[in-house]
Amino acid sequence: AFNILDAGMTNFIDKINEIKNATLWDERAA
């Protein structure tokens, strides 16, 4: 049960760290 929880939390922190980067706001659409 812990391994499942730990994998989910790893994905969660990875997503947070991906979004916290300001470069997300630099993307452009032409």
PDB file of all heavy atoms in Angstrom:
ATOM      1  N   ALA A   1       0.839  -1.207   0.000  1.00  0.00           N
ATOM      2  CA  ALA A   1       0.000   0.000   0.000  1.00  0.00           C
ATOM      3  C   ALA A   1       0.871   1.253   0.000  1.00  0.00           C
ATOM      4  O   ALA A   1       0.567   2.242  -0.695  1.00  0.00           O
ATOM      5  CB  ALA A   1      -0.918  -0.003   1.226  1.00  0.00           C
ATOM      6  N   PHE A   2       1.953   1.205   0.763  1.00  0.00           N
ATOM      7  CA  PHE A   2       2.855   2.358   0.797  1.00  0.00           C
ATOM      8  C   PHE A   2       3.487   2.610  -0.568  1.00  0.00           C
ATOM      9  O   PHE A   2       3.619   3.754  -0.986  1.00  0.00           O
ATOM     10  CB  PHE A   2       3.963   2.147   1.833  1.00  0.00           C
ATOM     11  CG  PHE A   2       5.007   3.223   1.796  1.00  0.00           C
ATOM     12  CD1 PHE A   2       4.806   4.424   2.445  1.00  0.00           C
ATOM     13  CD2 PHE A   2       6.183   3.049   1.064  1.00  0.00           C
ATOM     14  CE1 PHE A   2       5.757   5.431   2.380  1.00  0.00           C
ATOM     15  CE2 PHE A   2       7.133   4.046   0.999  1.00  0.00           C
ATOM     16  CZ  PHE A   2       6.916   5.248   1.658  1.00  0.00           C
ATOM     17  N   ASN A   3       3.889   1.540  -1.259  1.00  0.00           N
ATOM     18  CA  ASN A   3       4.527   1.715  -2.567  1.00  0.00           C
ATOM     19  C   ASN A   3       3.600   2.419  -3.550  1.00  0.00           C
ATOM     20  O   ASN A   3       4.036   3.254  -4.342  1.00  0.00           O
ATOM     21  CB  ASN A   3       4.950   0.351  -3.121  1.00  0.00           C
ATOM     22  CG  ASN A   3       6.141  -0.236  -2.379  1.00  0.00           C
ATOM     23  OD1 ASN A   3       6.897   0.491  -1.737  1.00  0.00           O
ATOM     24  ND2 ASN A   3       6.302  -1.540  -2.454  1.00  0.00           N
ATOM     25  N   ILE A   4       2.310   2.083  -3.504  1.00  0.00           N
ATOM     26  CA  ILE A   4       1.337   2.751  -4.367  1.00  0.00           C
ATOM     27  C   ILE A   4       1.223   4.231  -3.978  1.00  0.00           C
ATOM     28  O   ILE A   4       1.236   5.117  -4.834  1.00  0.00           O
ATOM     29  CB  ILE A   4      -0.030   2.059  -4.276  1.00  0.00           C
ATOM     30  CG1 ILE A   4       0.064   0.637  -4.846  1.00  0.00           C
ATOM     31  CG2 ILE A   4      -1.091   2.861  -5.014  1.00  0.00           C
ATOM     32  CD1 ILE A   4      -1.191  -0.186  -4.643  1.00  0.00           C
ATOM     33  N   LEU A   5       1.132   4.481  -2.687  1.00  0.00           N
ATOM     34  CA  LEU A   5       1.039   5.856  -2.206  1.00  0.00           C
ATOM     35  C   LEU A   5       2.289   6.642  -2.561  1.00  0.00           C
ATOM     36  O   LEU A   5       2.218   7.792  -3.033  1.00  0.00           O
ATOM     37  CB  LEU A   5       0.825   5.861  -0.692  1.00  0.00           C
ATOM     38  CG  LEU A   5       0.861   7.239  -0.006  1.00  0.00           C
ATOM     39  CD1 LEU A   5      -0.268   8.122  -0.514  1.00  0.00           C
ATOM     40  CD2 LEU A   5       0.788   7.080   1.506  1.00  0.00           C
ATOM     41  N   ASP A   6       3.449   6.032  -2.381  1.00  0.00           N
ATOM     42  CA  ASP A   6       4.713   6.709  -2.650  1.00  0.00           C
ATOM     43  C   ASP A   6       4.844   7.065  -4.132  1.00  0.00           C
ATOM     44  O   ASP A   6       5.310   8.159  -4.474  1.00  0.00           O
ATOM     45  CB  ASP A   6       5.871   5.800  -2.219  1.00  0.00           C
ATOM     46  CG  ASP A   6       7.211   6.512  -2.267  1.00  0.00           C
ATOM     47  OD1 ASP A   6       7.316   7.628  -1.740  1.00  0.00           O
ATOM     48  OD2 ASP A   6       8.156   5.944  -2.844  1.00  0.00           O
ATOM     49  N   ALA A   7       4.422   6.153  -5.015  1.00  0.00           N
ATOM     50  CA  ALA A   7       4.468   6.439  -6.449  1.00  0.00           C
ATOM     51  C   ALA A   7       3.553   7.607  -6.797  1.00  0.00           C
ATOM     52  O   ALA A   7       3.908   8.485  -7.604  1.00  0.00           O
ATOM     53  CB  ALA A   7       4.067   5.199  -7.239  1.00  0.00           C
ATOM     54  N   GLY A   8       2.371   7.628  -6.176  1.00  0.00           N
ATOM     55  CA  GLY A   8       1.448   8.744  -6.415  1.00  0.00           C
ATOM     56  C   GLY A   8       1.999  10.069  -5.933  1.00  0.00           C
ATOM     57  O   GLY A   8       1.869  11.098  -6.618  1.00  0.00           O
ATOM     58  N   MET A   9       2.650  10.072  -4.781  1.00  0.00           N
ATOM     59  CA  MET A   9       3.225  11.306  -4.247  1.00  0.00           C
ATOM     60  C   MET A   9       4.423  11.762  -5.083  1.00  0.00           C
ATOM     61  O   MET A   9       4.660  12.964  -5.233  1.00  0.00           O
ATOM     62  CB  MET A   9       3.637  11.102  -2.792  1.00  0.00           C
ATOM     63  CG  MET A   9       2.472  10.935  -1.827  1.00  0.00           C
ATOM     64  SD  MET A   9       1.326  12.343  -1.852  1.00  0.00           S
ATOM     65  CE  MET A   9       2.406  13.683  -1.355  1.00  0.00           C
ATOM     66  N   THR A  10       5.171  10.797  -5.634  1.00  0.00           N
ATOM     67  CA  THR A  10       6.283  11.160  -6.515  1.00  0.00           C
ATOM     68  C   THR A  10       5.760  11.858  -7.759  1.00  0.00           C
ATOM     69  O   THR A  10       6.303  12.885  -8.200  1.00  0.00           O
ATOM     70  CB  THR A  10       7.086   9.911  -6.911  1.00  0.00           C
ATOM     71  OG1 THR A  10       7.654   9.323  -5.726  1.00  0.00           O
ATOM     72  CG2 THR A  10       8.207  10.260  -7.875  1.00  0.00           C
ATOM     73  N   ASN A  11       4.693  11.318  -8.347  1.00  0.00           N
ATOM     74  CA  ASN A  11       4.075  11.971  -9.506  1.00  0.00           C
ATOM     75  C   ASN A  11       3.546  13.352  -9.144  1.00  0.00           C
ATOM     76  O   ASN A  11       3.642  14.293  -9.945  1.00  0.00           O
ATOM     77  CB  ASN A  11       2.932  11.109 -10.054  1.00  0.00           C
ATOM     78  CG  ASN A  11       3.423   9.840 -10.721  1.00  0.00           C
ATOM     79  OD1 ASN A  11       4.559   9.780 -11.186  1.00  0.00           O
ATOM     80  ND2 ASN A  11       2.581   8.826 -10.765  1.00  0.00           N
ATOM     81  N   PHE A  12       3.008  13.457  -7.940  1.00  0.00           N
ATOM     82  CA  PHE A  12       2.431  14.726  -7.493  1.00  0.00           C
ATOM     83  C   PHE A  12       3.513  15.805  -7.372  1.00  0.00           C
ATOM     84  O   PHE A  12       3.349  16.918  -7.874  1.00  0.00           O
ATOM     85  CB  PHE A  12       1.735  14.501  -6.153  1.00  0.00           C
ATOM     86  CG  PHE A  12       0.912  15.676  -5.676  1.00  0.00           C
ATOM     87  CD1 PHE A  12       0.077  16.362  -6.539  1.00  0.00           C
ATOM     88  CD2 PHE A  12       0.973  16.073  -4.350  1.00  0.00           C
ATOM     89  CE1 PHE A  12      -0.686  17.434  -6.094  1.00  0.00           C
ATOM     90  CE2 PHE A  12       0.218  17.132  -3.893  1.00  0.00           C
ATOM     91  CZ  PHE A  12      -0.611  17.819  -4.762  1.00  0.00           C
ATOM     92  N   ILE A  13       4.623  15.479  -6.718  1.00  0.00           N
ATOM     93  CA  ILE A  13       5.669  16.494  -6.552  1.00  0.00           C
ATOM     94  C   ILE A  13       6.325  16.812  -7.884  1.00  0.00           C
ATOM     95  O   ILE A  13       6.725  17.954  -8.145  1.00  0.00           O
ATOM     96  CB  ILE A  13       6.718  16.045  -5.500  1.00  0.00           C
ATOM     97  CG1 ILE A  13       7.667  17.206  -5.142  1.00  0.00           C
ATOM     98  CG2 ILE A  13       7.507  14.843  -5.978  1.00  0.00           C
ATOM     99  CD1 ILE A  13       6.968  18.427  -4.577  1.00  0.00           C
ATOM    100  N   ASP A  14       6.431  15.813  -8.765  1.00  0.00           N
ATOM    101  CA  ASP A  14       6.985  16.081 -10.098  1.00  0.00           C
ATOM    102  C   ASP A  14       6.108  17.070 -10.855  1.00  0.00           C
ATOM    103  O   ASP A  14       6.611  17.972 -11.541  1.00  0.00           O
ATOM    104  CB  ASP A  14       7.109  14.780 -10.901  1.00  0.00           C
ATOM    105  CG  ASP A  14       8.248  13.897 -10.417  1.00  0.00           C
ATOM    106  OD1 ASP A  14       9.091  14.390  -9.650  1.00  0.00           O
ATOM    107  OD2 ASP A  14       8.284  12.710 -10.799  1.00  0.00           O
ATOM    108  N   LYS A  15       4.793  16.906 -10.751  1.00  0.00           N
ATOM    109  CA  LYS A  15       3.864  17.821 -11.429  1.00  0.00           C
ATOM    110  C   LYS A  15       3.960  19.221 -10.834  1.00  0.00           C
ATOM    111  O   LYS A  15       3.972  20.213 -11.565  1.00  0.00           O
ATOM    112  CB  LYS A  15       2.444  17.271 -11.325  1.00  0.00           C
ATOM    113  CG  LYS A  15       1.371  18.190 -11.920  1.00  0.00           C
ATOM    114  CD  LYS A  15       1.661  18.591 -13.349  1.00  0.00           C
ATOM    115  CE  LYS A  15       1.755  17.434 -14.280  1.00  0.00           C
ATOM    116  NZ  LYS A  15       1.988  17.883 -15.682  1.00  0.00           N
ATOM    117  N   ILE A  16       4.041  19.314  -9.510  1.00  0.00           N
ATOM    118  CA  ILE A  16       4.165  20.624  -8.865  1.00  0.00           C
ATOM    119  C   ILE A  16       5.452  21.317  -9.312  1.00  0.00           C
ATOM    120  O   ILE A  16       5.443  22.508  -9.652  1.00  0.00           O
ATOM    121  CB  ILE A  16       4.140  20.462  -7.326  1.00  0.00           C
ATOM    122  CG1 ILE A  16       2.749  20.026  -6.861  1.00  0.00           C
ATOM    123  CG2 ILE A  16       4.535  21.780  -6.642  1.00  0.00           C
ATOM    124  CD1 ILE A  16       2.684  19.678  -5.384  1.00  0.00           C
ATOM    125  N   ASN A  17       6.552  20.579  -9.326  1.00  0.00           N
ATOM    126  CA  ASN A  17       7.829  21.176  -9.715  1.00  0.00           C
ATOM    127  C   ASN A  17       7.851  21.570 -11.183  1.00  0.00           C
ATOM    128  O   ASN A  17       8.527  22.529 -11.573  1.00  0.00           O
ATOM    129  CB  ASN A  17       8.970  20.205  -9.413  1.00  0.00           C
ATOM    130  CG  ASN A  17       9.258  20.089  -7.926  1.00  0.00           C
ATOM    131  OD1 ASN A  17       8.948  21.005  -7.161  1.00  0.00           O
ATOM    132  ND2 ASN A  17       9.830  18.978  -7.505  1.00  0.00           N
ATOM    133  N   GLU A  18       7.112  20.832 -11.993  1.00  0.00           N
ATOM    134  CA  GLU A  18       7.011  21.197 -13.405  1.00  0.00           C
ATOM    135  C   GLU A  18       6.248  22.508 -13.575  1.00  0.00           C
ATOM    136  O   GLU A  18       6.644  23.378 -14.353  1.00  0.00           O
ATOM    137  CB  GLU A  18       6.284  20.073 -14.160  1.00  0.00           C
ATOM    138  CG  GLU A  18       6.001  20.371 -15.621  1.00  0.00           C
ATOM    139  CD  GLU A  18       5.117  19.317 -16.254  1.00  0.00           C
ATOM    140  OE1 GLU A  18       5.321  18.123 -15.969  1.00  0.00           O
ATOM    141  OE2 GLU A  18       4.210  19.679 -17.025  1.00  0.00           O
ATOM    142  N   ILE A  19       5.167  22.670 -12.826  1.00  0.00           N
ATOM    143  CA  ILE A  19       4.336  23.866 -12.964  1.00  0.00           C
ATOM    144  C   ILE A  19       4.971  25.079 -12.303  1.00  0.00           C
ATOM    145  O   ILE A  19       4.775  26.208 -12.761  1.00  0.00           O
ATOM    146  CB  ILE A  19       2.934  23.613 -12.360  1.00  0.00           C
ATOM    147  CG1 ILE A  19       2.250  22.467 -13.084  1.00  0.00           C
ATOM    148  CG2 ILE A  19       2.068  24.860 -12.454  1.00  0.00           C
ATOM    149  CD1 ILE A  19       0.900  22.104 -12.515  1.00  0.00           C
ATOM    150  N   LYS A  20       5.729  24.870 -11.244  1.00  0.00           N
ATOM    151  CA  LYS A  20       6.271  26.027 -10.526  1.00  0.00           C
ATOM    152  C   LYS A  20       7.294  26.797 -11.346  1.00  0.00           C
ATOM    153  O   LYS A  20       7.562  27.970 -11.089  1.00  0.00           O
ATOM    154  CB  LYS A  20       6.895  25.587  -9.202  1.00  0.00           C
ATOM    155  CG  LYS A  20       8.284  24.981  -9.304  1.00  0.00           C
ATOM    156  CD  LYS A  20       8.859  24.660  -7.942  1.00  0.00           C
ATOM    157  CE  LYS A  20      10.284  24.114  -8.045  1.00  0.00           C
ATOM    158  NZ  LYS A  20      10.860  23.790  -6.733  1.00  0.00           N
ATOM    159  N   ASN A  21       7.854  26.132 -12.365  1.00  0.00           N
ATOM    160  CA  ASN A  21       8.850  26.787 -13.220  1.00  0.00           C
ATOM    161  C   ASN A  21       8.198  27.895 -14.031  1.00  0.00           C
ATOM    162  O   ASN A  21       7.205  27.680 -14.719  1.00  0.00           O
ATOM    163  CB  ASN A  21       9.482  25.746 -14.152  1.00  0.00           C
ATOM    164  CG  ASN A  21      10.768  26.241 -14.768  1.00  0.00           C
ATOM    165  OD1 ASN A  21      10.902  27.420 -15.088  1.00  0.00           O
ATOM    166  ND2 ASN A  21      11.709  25.335 -14.948  1.00  0.00           N
ATOM    167  N   ALA A  22       8.763  29.081 -13.995  1.00  0.00           N
ATOM    168  CA  ALA A  22       8.197  30.227 -14.702  1.00  0.00           C
ATOM    169  C   ALA A  22       8.201  30.056 -16.213  1.00  0.00           C
ATOM    170  O   ALA A  22       7.480  30.764 -16.929  1.00  0.00           O
ATOM    171  CB  ALA A  22       8.960  31.501 -14.321  1.00  0.00           C
ATOM    172  N   THR A  23       8.999  29.108 -16.718  1.00  0.00           N
ATOM    173  CA  THR A  23       9.054  28.919 -18.168  1.00  0.00           C
ATOM    174  C   THR A  23       7.720  28.454 -18.739  1.00  0.00           C
ATOM    175  O   THR A  23       7.474  28.596 -19.931  1.00  0.00           O
ATOM    176  CB  THR A  23      10.143  27.891 -18.547  1.00  0.00           C
ATOM    177  OG1 THR A  23       9.878  26.649 -17.875  1.00  0.00           O
ATOM    178  CG2 THR A  23      11.521  28.390 -18.145  1.00  0.00           C
ATOM    179  N   LEU A  24       6.863  27.894 -17.888  1.00  0.00           N
ATOM    180  CA  LEU A  24       5.526  27.497 -18.355  1.00  0.00           C
ATOM    181  C   LEU A  24       4.783  28.687 -18.944  1.00  0.00           C
ATOM    182  O   LEU A  24       4.027  28.547 -19.906  1.00  0.00           O
ATOM    183  CB  LEU A  24       4.731  26.902 -17.179  1.00  0.00           C
ATOM    184  CG  LEU A  24       3.273  26.518 -17.461  1.00  0.00           C
ATOM    185  CD1 LEU A  24       3.219  25.342 -18.433  1.00  0.00           C
ATOM    186  CD2 LEU A  24       2.551  26.168 -16.171  1.00  0.00           C
ATOM    187  N   TRP A  25       5.041  29.861 -18.394  1.00  0.00           N
ATOM    188  CA  TRP A  25       4.325  31.062 -18.826  1.00  0.00           C
ATOM    189  C   TRP A  25       4.989  31.713 -20.038  1.00  0.00           C
ATOM    190  O   TRP A  25       4.453  32.666 -20.601  1.00  0.00           O
ATOM    191  CB  TRP A  25       4.246  32.058 -17.669  1.00  0.00           C
ATOM    192  CG  TRP A  25       3.556  31.472 -16.482  1.00  0.00           C
ATOM    193  CD1 TRP A  25       4.110  30.651 -15.537  1.00  0.00           C
ATOM    194  CD2 TRP A  25       2.187  31.620 -16.136  1.00  0.00           C
ATOM    195  NE1 TRP A  25       3.169  30.277 -14.617  1.00  0.00           N
ATOM    196  CE2 TRP A  25       1.974  30.865 -14.951  1.00  0.00           C
ATOM    197  CE3 TRP A  25       1.119  32.328 -16.685  1.00  0.00           C
ATOM    198  CZ2 TRP A  25       0.739  30.792 -14.327  1.00  0.00           C
ATOM    199  CZ3 TRP A  25      -0.119  32.259 -16.069  1.00  0.00           C
ATOM    200  CH2 TRP A  25      -0.298  31.500 -14.906  1.00  0.00           C
ATOM    201  N   ASP A  26       6.154  31.195 -20.425  1.00  0.00           N
ATOM    202  CA  ASP A  26       6.867  31.769 -21.571  1.00  0.00           C
ATOM    203  C   ASP A  26       6.440  31.159 -22.904  1.00  0.00           C
ATOM    204  O   ASP A  26       6.818  31.668 -23.963  1.00  0.00           O
ATOM    205  CB  ASP A  26       8.384  31.547 -21.415  1.00  0.00           C
ATOM    206  CG  ASP A  26       8.952  32.313 -20.237  1.00  0.00           C
ATOM    207  OD1 ASP A  26       8.345  33.317 -19.828  1.00  0.00           O
ATOM    208  OD2 ASP A  26      10.004  31.890 -19.716  1.00  0.00           O
ATOM    209  N   GLU A  27       5.687  30.064 -22.862  1.00  0.00           N
ATOM    210  CA  GLU A  27       5.291  29.406 -24.112  1.00  0.00           C
ATOM    211  C   GLU A  27       4.386  30.315 -24.928  1.00  0.00           C
ATOM    212  O   GLU A  27       3.582  31.077 -24.389  1.00  0.00           O
ATOM    213  CB  GLU A  27       4.583  28.077 -23.821  1.00  0.00           C
ATOM    214  CG  GLU A  27       5.455  27.036 -23.128  1.00  0.00           C
ATOM    215  CD  GLU A  27       6.663  26.682 -23.964  1.00  0.00           C
ATOM    216  OE1 GLU A  27       6.507  26.489 -25.185  1.00  0.00           O
ATOM    217  OE2 GLU A  27       7.773  26.607 -23.400  1.00  0.00           O
ATOM    218  N   ARG A  28       4.528  30.232 -26.240  1.00  0.00           N
ATOM    219  CA  ARG A  28       3.774  31.094 -27.141  1.00  0.00           C
ATOM    220  C   ARG A  28       2.999  30.273 -28.170  1.00  0.00           C
ATOM    221  O   ARG A  28       3.416  29.172 -28.560  1.00  0.00           O
ATOM    222  CB  ARG A  28       4.714  32.052 -27.887  1.00  0.00           C
ATOM    223  CG  ARG A  28       5.487  32.999 -26.969  1.00  0.00           C
ATOM    224  CD  ARG A  28       4.557  34.020 -26.320  1.00  0.00           C
ATOM    225  NE  ARG A  28       5.283  34.972 -25.494  1.00  0.00           N
ATOM    226  CZ  ARG A  28       5.370  34.901 -24.170  1.00  0.00           C
ATOM    227  NH1 ARG A  28       4.768  33.896 -23.521  1.00  0.00           N
ATOM    228  NH2 ARG A  28       6.033  35.811 -23.492  1.00  0.00           N
ATOM    229  N   ALA A  29       1.887  30.818 -28.617  1.00  0.00           N
ATOM    230  CA  ALA A  29       1.099  30.224 -29.690  1.00  0.00           C
ATOM    231  C   ALA A  29       0.944  31.263 -30.792  1.00  0.00           C
ATOM    232  O   ALA A  29       0.535  32.396 -30.533  1.00  0.00           O
ATOM    233  CB  ALA A  29      -0.271  29.803 -29.172  1.00  0.00           C
ATOM    234  N   ALA A  30       1.332  30.885 -32.014  1.00  0.00           N
ATOM    235  CA  ALA A  30       1.185  31.776 -33.171  1.00  0.00           C
ATOM    236  C   ALA A  30      -0.034  31.319 -33.968  1.00  0.00           C
ATOM    237  O   ALA A  30      -0.111  30.164 -34.386  1.00  0.00           O
ATOM    238  CB  ALA A  30       2.436  31.751 -34.036  1.00  0.00           C
TER     239      ALA A  30
END
